[in-house]
Protein backbone atom coordinates (compact mmCIF):
# COMPACT_ATOMS: atom_id res chain seq x y z
CA UNK A 1 -0.02 0.24 -0.07
CA UNK A 2 1.08 3.43 -0.79
CA UNK A 3 1.55 6.00 1.88
CA UNK A 4 -0.82 9.05 2.41
CA UNK A 5 2.05 11.29 1.56
CA UNK A 6 2.64 9.59 -1.72
CA UNK A 7 -1.16 9.70 -2.66
CA UNK A 8 -1.18 13.49 -1.95
CA UNK A 9 1.96 14.02 -4.13
CA UNK A 10 0.14 12.00 -7.05
CA UNK A 11 -3.01 14.02 -6.68
CA UNK A 12 -1.07 17.27 -6.52
CA UNK A 13 0.86 16.27 -9.81
CA UNK A 14 -2.52 15.25 -11.44
CA UNK A 15 -3.92 18.54 -10.59
CA UNK A 16 -1.00 20.37 -11.84
CA UNK A 17 -1.00 18.51 -14.98
CA UNK A 18 -4.63 19.25 -15.83
CA UNK A 19 -4.05 22.85 -14.80
CA UNK A 20 -1.26 22.99 -17.49
CA UNK A 21 -3.53 21.43 -20.08
CA UNK A 22 -6.45 23.72 -19.26
CA UNK A 23 -4.07 26.85 -19.65
CA UNK A 24 -2.78 25.53 -23.08
CA UNK A 25 -6.37 25.08 -24.18
CA UNK A 26 -7.09 28.60 -23.08
CA UNK A 27 -4.11 29.93 -24.83
CA UNK A 28 -4.85 28.24 -28.01
CA UNK A 29 -8.48 29.50 -27.79
CA UNK A 30 -7.33 33.04 -27.24
CA UNK A 31 -5.00 32.81 -30.20
CA UNK A 32 -7.85 31.46 -32.33
CA UNK A 33 -10.25 33.97 -31.11
CA UNK A 34 -7.79 36.92 -31.50
CA UNK A 35 -6.96 35.65 -34.96
CA UNK A 36 -10.69 35.61 -35.99
CA UNK A 37 -11.20 39.15 -34.46
CA UNK A 38 -8.18 40.54 -36.56
CA UNK A 39 -9.46 39.07 -39.66
CA UNK A 40 -13.03 40.65 -39.22
CA UNK A 41 -11.33 44.13 -38.31
CA UNK A 42 -10.81 44.55 -42.12
CA UNK A 43 -14.21 45.98 -42.17
CA UNK A 44 -13.06 48.69 -39.52
CA UNK A 45 -10.39 49.77 -42.15
CA UNK A 46 -12.99 49.63 -44.94
CA UNK A 47 -14.96 52.22 -43.03
CA UNK A 48 -11.99 54.52 -42.95
CA UNK A 49 -11.15 53.83 -46.76
CA UNK A 50 -14.82 54.60 -47.85
CA UNK A 51 -14.84 57.83 -45.65
CA UNK A 52 -11.62 58.98 -47.15
CA UNK A 53 -12.83 58.29 -50.67
CA UNK A 54 -16.16 60.21 -50.09
CA UNK A 55 -14.36 63.17 -48.49
CA UNK A 56 -11.61 62.96 -51.54
CA UNK A 57 -14.65 63.09 -54.00
CA UNK A 58 -16.56 65.83 -52.16
CA UNK A 59 -13.28 67.96 -51.91
CA UNK A 60 -12.61 67.26 -55.78
CA UNK A 61 -16.28 68.57 -56.81
CA UNK A 62 -15.55 71.63 -54.36
CA UNK A 63 -12.42 72.32 -56.07
CA UNK A 64 -13.97 72.10 -59.41
CA UNK A 65 -16.80 74.54 -58.48
CA UNK A 66 -14.19 76.84 -56.96
CA UNK A 67 -12.14 76.78 -59.98
CA UNK A 68 -15.07 78.14 -61.96
CA UNK A 69 -15.36 81.05 -59.56
CA UNK A 70 -11.59 81.68 -59.37
CA UNK A 71 -11.28 81.90 -63.17
CA UNK A 72 -14.38 83.98 -63.45
CA UNK A 73 -12.89 86.74 -60.85
CA UNK A 74 -9.90 87.89 -63.00
CA UNK A 75 -12.00 87.92 -66.08
CA UNK A 76 -14.55 90.02 -64.64
CA UNK A 77 -12.14 92.50 -63.10
CA UNK A 78 -9.75 92.20 -66.12
CA UNK A 79 -6.78 90.86 -64.02
CA UNK A 80 -6.76 93.97 -61.52
CA UNK A 81 -7.98 92.26 -58.48
CA UNK A 82 -4.60 91.39 -56.43
CA UNK A 83 -6.32 88.83 -54.32
CA UNK A 84 -6.84 86.44 -57.60
CA UNK A 85 -3.22 85.13 -57.06
CA UNK A 86 -4.16 84.35 -53.51
CA UNK A 87 -7.14 82.65 -54.82
CA UNK A 88 -5.29 80.57 -57.28
CA UNK A 89 -2.90 79.40 -54.40
CA UNK A 90 -5.77 78.49 -52.36
CA UNK A 91 -7.11 76.25 -55.26
CA UNK A 92 -3.81 74.52 -55.37
CA UNK A 93 -4.02 73.78 -51.62
CA UNK A 94 -7.60 72.38 -52.14
CA UNK A 95 -6.52 70.01 -54.75
CA UNK A 96 -3.25 68.99 -52.95
CA UNK A 97 -5.47 68.12 -49.99
CA UNK A 98 -7.90 66.14 -52.11
CA UNK A 99 -5.05 64.28 -53.67
CA UNK A 100 -3.61 63.39 -50.10
CA UNK A 101 -6.99 62.12 -49.23
CA UNK A 102 -7.27 60.10 -52.25
CA UNK A 103 -3.74 58.37 -51.56
CA UNK A 104 -4.53 57.75 -48.00
CA UNK A 105 -7.64 55.95 -49.09
CA UNK A 106 -5.90 53.89 -51.84
CA UNK A 107 -2.99 53.28 -49.35
CA UNK A 108 -5.20 51.99 -46.69
CA UNK A 109 -7.03 49.71 -49.12
CA UNK A 110 -3.92 48.11 -50.37
CA UNK A 111 -2.12 47.68 -47.24
CA UNK A 112 -4.98 46.09 -45.12
CA UNK A 113 -7.58 44.75 -47.47
CA UNK A 114 -6.38 43.86 -50.82
CA UNK A 115 -3.78 44.52 -53.59
CA UNK A 116 -5.04 46.49 -56.46
CA UNK A 117 -3.29 47.35 -59.84
CA UNK A 118 -1.79 50.86 -59.47
CA UNK A 119 0.86 52.76 -61.38
CA UNK A 120 4.52 51.91 -59.74
CA UNK A 121 4.87 55.30 -58.26
CA UNK A 122 1.56 54.85 -56.19
CA UNK A 123 2.23 51.16 -54.91
CA UNK A 124 2.38 51.43 -51.13
CA UNK A 125 3.91 48.59 -49.31
CA UNK A 126 4.18 50.25 -45.90
CA UNK A 127 3.04 53.22 -43.72
CA UNK A 128 6.16 55.40 -44.40
CA UNK A 129 5.15 56.92 -47.67
CA UNK A 130 1.55 57.54 -46.45
CA UNK A 131 2.75 59.39 -43.30
CA UNK A 132 5.45 61.31 -45.40
CA UNK A 133 2.57 62.38 -47.50
CA UNK A 134 0.79 63.61 -44.34
CA UNK A 135 3.84 65.33 -43.25
CA UNK A 136 4.20 67.14 -46.56
CA UNK A 137 0.57 68.26 -46.29
CA UNK A 138 1.12 69.50 -42.84
CA UNK A 139 4.07 71.38 -43.70
CA UNK A 140 2.01 73.04 -46.74
CA UNK A 141 -0.86 74.02 -44.53
CA UNK A 142 1.46 75.56 -41.94
CA UNK A 143 3.27 77.56 -44.55
CA UNK A 144 -0.39 79.03 -45.45
CA UNK A 145 -0.57 80.46 -41.90
CA UNK A 146 -3.47 78.21 -40.98
């Protein structure tokens, strides 16, 4: 017959063994759950992509309408309005921001959702070009005094 001490030790080892197995299953379950969540989180990025694309389209339309008024101003005043040059620079700024919004949208889509056929200069493989575009945009708007 085995002693009480030996049986207590044996039960302790069985308990620890079952605890290790339970922890392993818990870790595996957590990893699989996390993987499923990350795969489904593409839809969150898709929300950002669509929002940026809509903002870009709206800004392009706004820039097109403003272009008509900017061109109309110097024609009506025969080029004597000193603020017409400022309006042209503001127009360039609108299209710069609009293009950056479009590049952000395309870049996020390509990075997180699916590769798409783009010109070589627009292929984005990391966030570095996207962030440098954002930095250039920030510097541009700071130069305007805004």
